Amino acid sequence: MTPFQIILFCISVIIYLLGGYVCGRICVDIVRDKNKEMNEVMWFWAGFIFNVVAVFMTLTVKDKNK
């Protein structure tokens, strides 16, 4: 890998983690509004995993139009 590719990879990982954090916090805020006694840590990680699935689906699902 060239140094430029390594830098771009590091930037993409940082953006990916920030997106997961934001998605997790949004999920926690939604759950907190509904029920204040629910486990916020579990819902944070559920939102973070949703981000992982969304990125995976974006990269793997292909258009079948010919």
Protein backbone atom coordinates (compact mmCIF):
# COMPACT_ATOMS: atom_id res chain seq x y z
CA MET A 1 0.00 0.00 0.00
CA THR A 2 1.15 3.44 -0.71
CA PRO A 3 1.25 6.03 2.07
CA PHE A 4 -1.67 7.84 0.45
CA GLN A 5 -3.84 4.71 0.63
CA ILE A 6 -2.88 4.19 4.27
CA ILE A 7 -3.88 7.76 5.11
CA LEU A 8 -7.20 7.37 3.29
CA PHE A 9 -7.82 4.08 5.10
CA CYS A 10 -7.19 5.72 8.50
CA ILE A 11 -9.54 8.58 7.63
CA SER A 12 -12.25 6.15 6.50
CA VAL A 13 -11.97 4.11 9.72
CA ILE A 14 -12.28 7.29 11.81
CA ILE A 15 -15.36 8.39 9.84
CA TYR A 16 -16.83 4.89 10.18
CA LEU A 17 -16.36 4.89 13.96
CA LEU A 18 -17.79 8.40 14.30
CA GLY A 19 -20.82 7.33 12.28
CA GLY A 20 -21.30 4.36 14.59
CA TYR A 21 -21.04 6.59 17.64
CA VAL A 22 -23.61 9.04 16.28
CA CYS A 23 -25.97 6.20 15.32
CA GLY A 24 -25.60 4.68 18.79
CA ARG A 25 -26.28 8.00 20.53
CA ILE A 26 -29.39 8.59 18.39
CA CYS A 27 -30.64 5.12 19.31
CA VAL A 28 -30.04 5.84 23.03
CA ASP A 29 -31.88 9.17 22.80
CA ILE A 30 -34.88 7.52 21.16
CA VAL A 31 -34.99 4.76 23.80
CA ARG A 32 -34.50 7.26 26.65
CA ASP A 33 -37.55 9.22 25.47
CA LYS A 34 -39.68 6.06 25.47
CA ASN A 35 -38.56 4.46 28.74
CA LYS A 36 -36.03 5.94 31.16
CA GLU A 37 -35.38 2.60 32.92
CA MET A 38 -33.98 0.73 29.89
CA ASN A 39 -30.31 -0.21 29.60
CA GLU A 40 -28.69 2.58 27.58
CA VAL A 41 -25.42 0.71 26.98
CA MET A 42 -27.20 -2.15 25.22
CA TRP A 43 -29.09 0.28 22.96
CA PHE A 44 -25.90 2.21 22.19
CA TRP A 45 -24.24 -0.96 20.93
CA ALA A 46 -27.40 -1.93 19.04
CA GLY A 47 -27.23 1.40 17.21
CA PHE A 48 -23.51 0.93 16.56
CA ILE A 49 -24.15 -2.55 15.12
CA PHE A 50 -26.90 -1.07 12.95
CA ASN A 51 -24.24 1.21 11.48
CA VAL A 52 -22.04 -1.82 10.75
CA VAL A 53 -24.92 -3.59 8.98
CA ALA A 54 -25.83 -0.45 7.01
CA VAL A 55 -22.27 -0.02 5.73
CA PHE A 56 -22.00 -3.73 4.91
CA MET A 57 -25.29 -3.64 2.98
CA THR A 58 -24.22 -0.52 1.10
CA LEU A 59 -20.99 -2.18 0.01
CA THR A 60 -22.42 -5.58 -0.93
CA VAL A 61 -25.85 -4.98 -2.45
CA LYS A 62 -25.49 -4.44 -6.17
CA ASP A 63 -27.89 -3.09 -8.74
CA LYS A 64 -29.08 -5.84 -11.13
CA ASN A 65 -30.21 -3.58 -13.97
CA LYS A 66 -28.70 -4.46 -17.32
